[in-house]
Amino acid sequence: MVPDPSVLQQTVDRYLALAAAEDAAAAVSVRDAAYTLCVLTGTRTVEEAMTAVRVLCPGSRTPGPSRPPRLAVPTVESGAGQTESIS
């Protein structure tokens, strides 16, 4: 299944805007946007998602191969007591 390019671009734009704000109060929103981006692209990290976006939508406005903005947020529990960092 391939996501609708306009929905994918809106999700990328939302993630980048929230992450660039570096607002600790927006940490949950950044996590939600990152999660949605990963679900839409079938990836596990934002870095992988951005790469997938460039492949799925070659004309998209995504950051280049460098890492997308990262907001420092606490790790979250991902089931079975494991924690992971949100990028």
N, C-alpha and C. Protein backbone atom coordinates (compact mmCIF):
# COMPACT_ATOMS: atom_id res chain seq x y z
N MET A 1 0.83 -1.17 0.00
CA MET A 1 0.00 0.00 0.00
C MET A 1 0.89 1.25 0.00
N VAL A 2 0.54 2.22 -0.79
CA VAL A 2 1.31 3.46 -0.88
C VAL A 2 0.45 4.60 -0.35
N PRO A 3 0.99 5.39 0.58
CA PRO A 3 0.20 6.50 1.13
C PRO A 3 -0.03 7.59 0.10
N ASP A 4 -1.12 8.31 0.27
CA ASP A 4 -1.43 9.45 -0.59
C ASP A 4 -0.32 10.48 -0.43
N PRO A 5 0.30 10.92 -1.53
CA PRO A 5 1.41 11.87 -1.43
C PRO A 5 1.07 13.15 -0.68
N SER A 6 -0.15 13.66 -0.84
CA SER A 6 -0.49 14.92 -0.16
C SER A 6 -0.61 14.69 1.36
N VAL A 7 -1.15 13.55 1.77
CA VAL A 7 -1.24 13.23 3.20
C VAL A 7 0.16 13.03 3.77
N LEU A 8 1.00 12.36 3.03
CA LEU A 8 2.38 12.13 3.46
C LEU A 8 3.12 13.46 3.61
N GLN A 9 2.97 14.35 2.65
CA GLN A 9 3.65 15.65 2.73
C GLN A 9 3.12 16.48 3.89
N GLN A 10 1.82 16.44 4.15
CA GLN A 10 1.25 17.17 5.29
C GLN A 10 1.82 16.64 6.60
N THR A 11 2.00 15.33 6.68
CA THR A 11 2.55 14.72 7.89
C THR A 11 4.01 15.11 8.07
N VAL A 12 4.78 15.10 6.99
CA VAL A 12 6.18 15.54 7.06
C VAL A 12 6.25 16.99 7.51
N ASP A 13 5.45 17.84 6.90
CA ASP A 13 5.45 19.26 7.25
C ASP A 13 5.10 19.47 8.72
N ARG A 14 4.10 18.74 9.21
CA ARG A 14 3.69 18.86 10.62
C ARG A 14 4.82 18.41 11.54
N TYR A 15 5.43 17.27 11.23
CA TYR A 15 6.54 16.78 12.06
C TYR A 15 7.68 17.80 12.09
N LEU A 16 8.09 18.28 10.93
CA LEU A 16 9.22 19.21 10.87
C LEU A 16 8.92 20.52 11.60
N ALA A 17 7.69 21.02 11.48
CA ALA A 17 7.32 22.25 12.17
C ALA A 17 7.35 22.06 13.68
N LEU A 18 6.79 20.96 14.15
CA LEU A 18 6.78 20.70 15.60
C LEU A 18 8.19 20.48 16.13
N ALA A 19 8.99 19.71 15.41
CA ALA A 19 10.34 19.40 15.86
C ALA A 19 11.23 20.65 15.84
N ALA A 20 11.03 21.51 14.87
CA ALA A 20 11.85 22.72 14.77
C ALA A 20 11.55 23.70 15.90
N ALA A 21 10.34 23.66 16.42
CA ALA A 21 9.96 24.57 17.49
C ALA A 21 10.74 24.31 18.77
N GLU A 22 11.22 23.08 18.95
CA GLU A 22 11.98 22.69 20.14
C GLU A 22 11.26 23.11 21.42
N ASP A 23 9.98 22.94 21.42
CA ASP A 23 9.14 23.29 22.56
C ASP A 23 8.86 22.03 23.36
N ALA A 24 9.34 21.98 24.59
CA ALA A 24 9.16 20.79 25.41
C ALA A 24 7.68 20.47 25.62
N ALA A 25 6.84 21.49 25.61
CA ALA A 25 5.40 21.27 25.78
C ALA A 25 4.80 20.55 24.57
N ALA A 26 5.47 20.61 23.44
CA ALA A 26 4.97 19.97 22.22
C ALA A 26 5.52 18.56 22.04
N ALA A 27 6.20 18.04 23.04
CA ALA A 27 6.84 16.73 22.91
C ALA A 27 5.86 15.63 22.53
N VAL A 28 4.69 15.64 23.11
CA VAL A 28 3.69 14.61 22.78
C VAL A 28 3.26 14.76 21.33
N SER A 29 3.07 15.98 20.87
CA SER A 29 2.67 16.20 19.48
C SER A 29 3.76 15.77 18.52
N VAL A 30 5.03 16.00 18.88
CA VAL A 30 6.15 15.56 18.04
C VAL A 30 6.15 14.04 17.97
N ARG A 31 5.97 13.39 19.12
CA ARG A 31 5.93 11.93 19.15
C ARG A 31 4.79 11.39 18.28
N ASP A 32 3.63 12.01 18.39
CA ASP A 32 2.47 11.59 17.60
C ASP A 32 2.74 11.75 16.10
N ALA A 33 3.32 12.89 15.72
CA ALA A 33 3.62 13.13 14.31
C ALA A 33 4.67 12.16 13.80
N ALA A 34 5.68 11.87 14.63
CA ALA A 34 6.72 10.91 14.24
C ALA A 34 6.11 9.52 14.07
N TYR A 35 5.24 9.14 14.98
CA TYR A 35 4.58 7.84 14.91
C TYR A 35 3.75 7.73 13.62
N THR A 36 2.97 8.76 13.33
CA THR A 36 2.13 8.76 12.13
C THR A 36 3.00 8.66 10.88
N LEU A 37 4.09 9.40 10.84
CA LEU A 37 5.01 9.37 9.71
C LEU A 37 5.58 7.96 9.51
N CYS A 38 5.95 7.32 10.60
CA CYS A 38 6.49 5.96 10.51
C CYS A 38 5.43 4.96 10.07
N VAL A 39 4.21 5.10 10.56
CA VAL A 39 3.14 4.20 10.16
C VAL A 39 2.85 4.36 8.66
N LEU A 40 2.76 5.60 8.21
CA LEU A 40 2.46 5.84 6.80
C LEU A 40 3.52 5.27 5.87
N THR A 41 4.76 5.28 6.31
CA THR A 41 5.86 4.83 5.45
C THR A 41 6.30 3.40 5.74
N GLY A 42 5.74 2.79 6.78
CA GLY A 42 6.13 1.41 7.11
C GLY A 42 7.54 1.31 7.65
N THR A 43 7.97 2.33 8.39
CA THR A 43 9.34 2.35 8.92
C THR A 43 9.29 2.42 10.44
N ARG A 44 10.47 2.33 11.07
CA ARG A 44 10.54 2.34 12.53
C ARG A 44 11.17 3.60 13.11
N THR A 45 11.85 4.38 12.28
CA THR A 45 12.47 5.62 12.77
C THR A 45 12.12 6.76 11.82
N VAL A 46 12.24 7.97 12.33
CA VAL A 46 11.98 9.15 11.50
C VAL A 46 13.00 9.23 10.36
N GLU A 47 14.24 8.87 10.64
CA GLU A 47 15.26 8.90 9.60
C GLU A 47 14.88 7.98 8.45
N GLU A 48 14.43 6.77 8.78
CA GLU A 48 13.99 5.82 7.75
C GLU A 48 12.76 6.35 7.04
N ALA A 49 11.87 6.97 7.77
CA ALA A 49 10.64 7.52 7.18
C ALA A 49 10.97 8.61 6.18
N MET A 50 11.91 9.50 6.51
CA MET A 50 12.28 10.57 5.59
C MET A 50 12.88 10.01 4.31
N THR A 51 13.68 8.96 4.44
CA THR A 51 14.24 8.30 3.27
C THR A 51 13.12 7.71 2.42
N ALA A 52 12.16 7.06 3.08
CA ALA A 52 11.03 6.47 2.37
C ALA A 52 10.20 7.54 1.67
N VAL A 53 10.02 8.69 2.31
CA VAL A 53 9.25 9.78 1.69
C VAL A 53 9.94 10.24 0.42
N ARG A 54 11.26 10.36 0.45
CA ARG A 54 11.99 10.79 -0.75
C ARG A 54 11.84 9.78 -1.87
N VAL A 55 11.72 8.49 -1.54
CA VAL A 55 11.54 7.44 -2.56
C VAL A 55 10.09 7.43 -3.06
N LEU A 56 9.13 7.51 -2.12
CA LEU A 56 7.71 7.44 -2.48
C LEU A 56 7.22 8.69 -3.19
N CYS A 57 7.77 9.83 -2.83
CA CYS A 57 7.34 11.13 -3.38
C CYS A 57 8.58 11.93 -3.76
N PRO A 58 9.18 11.62 -4.91
CA PRO A 58 10.45 12.27 -5.28
C PRO A 58 10.43 13.80 -5.27
N GLY A 59 9.30 14.42 -5.50
CA GLY A 59 9.24 15.88 -5.52
C GLY A 59 8.90 16.49 -4.17
N SER A 60 8.92 15.68 -3.11
CA SER A 60 8.50 16.18 -1.80
C SER A 60 9.50 17.14 -1.20
N ARG A 61 9.00 17.91 -0.25
CA ARG A 61 9.85 18.87 0.47
C ARG A 61 10.30 18.21 1.77
N THR A 62 11.31 17.36 1.69
CA THR A 62 11.83 16.70 2.89
C THR A 62 13.29 17.07 3.05
N PRO A 63 13.78 17.01 4.28
CA PRO A 63 15.21 17.30 4.48
C PRO A 63 16.05 16.29 3.71
N GLY A 64 17.26 16.71 3.36
CA GLY A 64 18.17 15.80 2.67
C GLY A 64 18.61 14.65 3.54
N PRO A 65 19.64 13.95 3.13
CA PRO A 65 20.09 12.77 3.87
C PRO A 65 20.53 13.02 5.31
N SER A 66 20.78 14.28 5.67
CA SER A 66 21.14 14.53 7.05
C SER A 66 19.95 14.26 7.95
N ARG A 67 20.22 14.13 9.24
CA ARG A 67 19.15 13.81 10.18
C ARG A 67 18.12 14.92 10.24
N PRO A 68 16.85 14.55 10.32
CA PRO A 68 15.82 15.56 10.54
C PRO A 68 15.94 16.12 11.95
N PRO A 69 15.29 17.24 12.23
CA PRO A 69 15.38 17.81 13.58
C PRO A 69 14.98 16.79 14.63
N ARG A 70 15.61 16.88 15.77
CA ARG A 70 15.30 15.95 16.86
C ARG A 70 14.98 16.76 18.11
N LEU A 71 13.90 16.43 18.72
CA LEU A 71 13.48 17.10 19.93
C LEU A 71 13.87 16.22 21.10
N ALA A 72 14.53 16.78 22.08
CA ALA A 72 14.92 16.01 23.25
C ALA A 72 13.69 15.75 24.10
N VAL A 73 13.24 14.52 24.10
CA VAL A 73 12.09 14.12 24.90
C VAL A 73 12.47 12.87 25.67
N PRO A 74 11.80 12.64 26.78
CA PRO A 74 12.11 11.43 27.54
C PRO A 74 11.80 10.19 26.71
N THR A 75 12.47 9.11 27.05
CA THR A 75 12.19 7.87 26.36
C THR A 75 10.81 7.39 26.73
N VAL A 76 10.25 6.60 25.87
CA VAL A 76 8.91 6.06 26.12
C VAL A 76 8.99 4.56 26.21
N GLU A 77 8.11 3.99 26.99
CA GLU A 77 8.10 2.54 27.12
C GLU A 77 7.43 1.94 25.90
N SER A 78 8.06 0.93 25.34
CA SER A 78 7.53 0.31 24.13
C SER A 78 7.19 -1.15 24.41
N GLY A 79 6.38 -1.36 25.40
CA GLY A 79 5.95 -2.71 25.72
C GLY A 79 7.06 -3.51 26.38
N ALA A 80 6.74 -4.53 27.09
CA ALA A 80 7.69 -5.44 27.73
C ALA A 80 8.78 -4.73 28.52
N GLY A 81 8.49 -3.52 29.01
CA GLY A 81 9.45 -2.81 29.85
C GLY A 81 10.64 -2.21 29.14
N GLN A 82 10.67 -2.27 27.80
CA GLN A 82 11.78 -1.69 27.05
C GLN A 82 11.48 -0.21 26.79
N THR A 83 12.54 0.56 26.68
CA THR A 83 12.36 1.97 26.37
C THR A 83 13.01 2.28 25.04
N GLU A 84 12.54 3.34 24.42
CA GLU A 84 13.13 3.79 23.17
C GLU A 84 13.08 5.30 23.11
N SER A 85 14.01 5.87 22.38
CA SER A 85 14.06 7.31 22.19
C SER A 85 13.24 7.66 20.97
N ILE A 86 12.58 8.79 21.01
CA ILE A 86 11.78 9.25 19.88
C ILE A 86 12.60 10.24 19.09
N SER A 87 12.72 10.02 17.78
CA SER A 87 13.44 10.97 16.95
C SER A 87 12.49 11.75 16.12
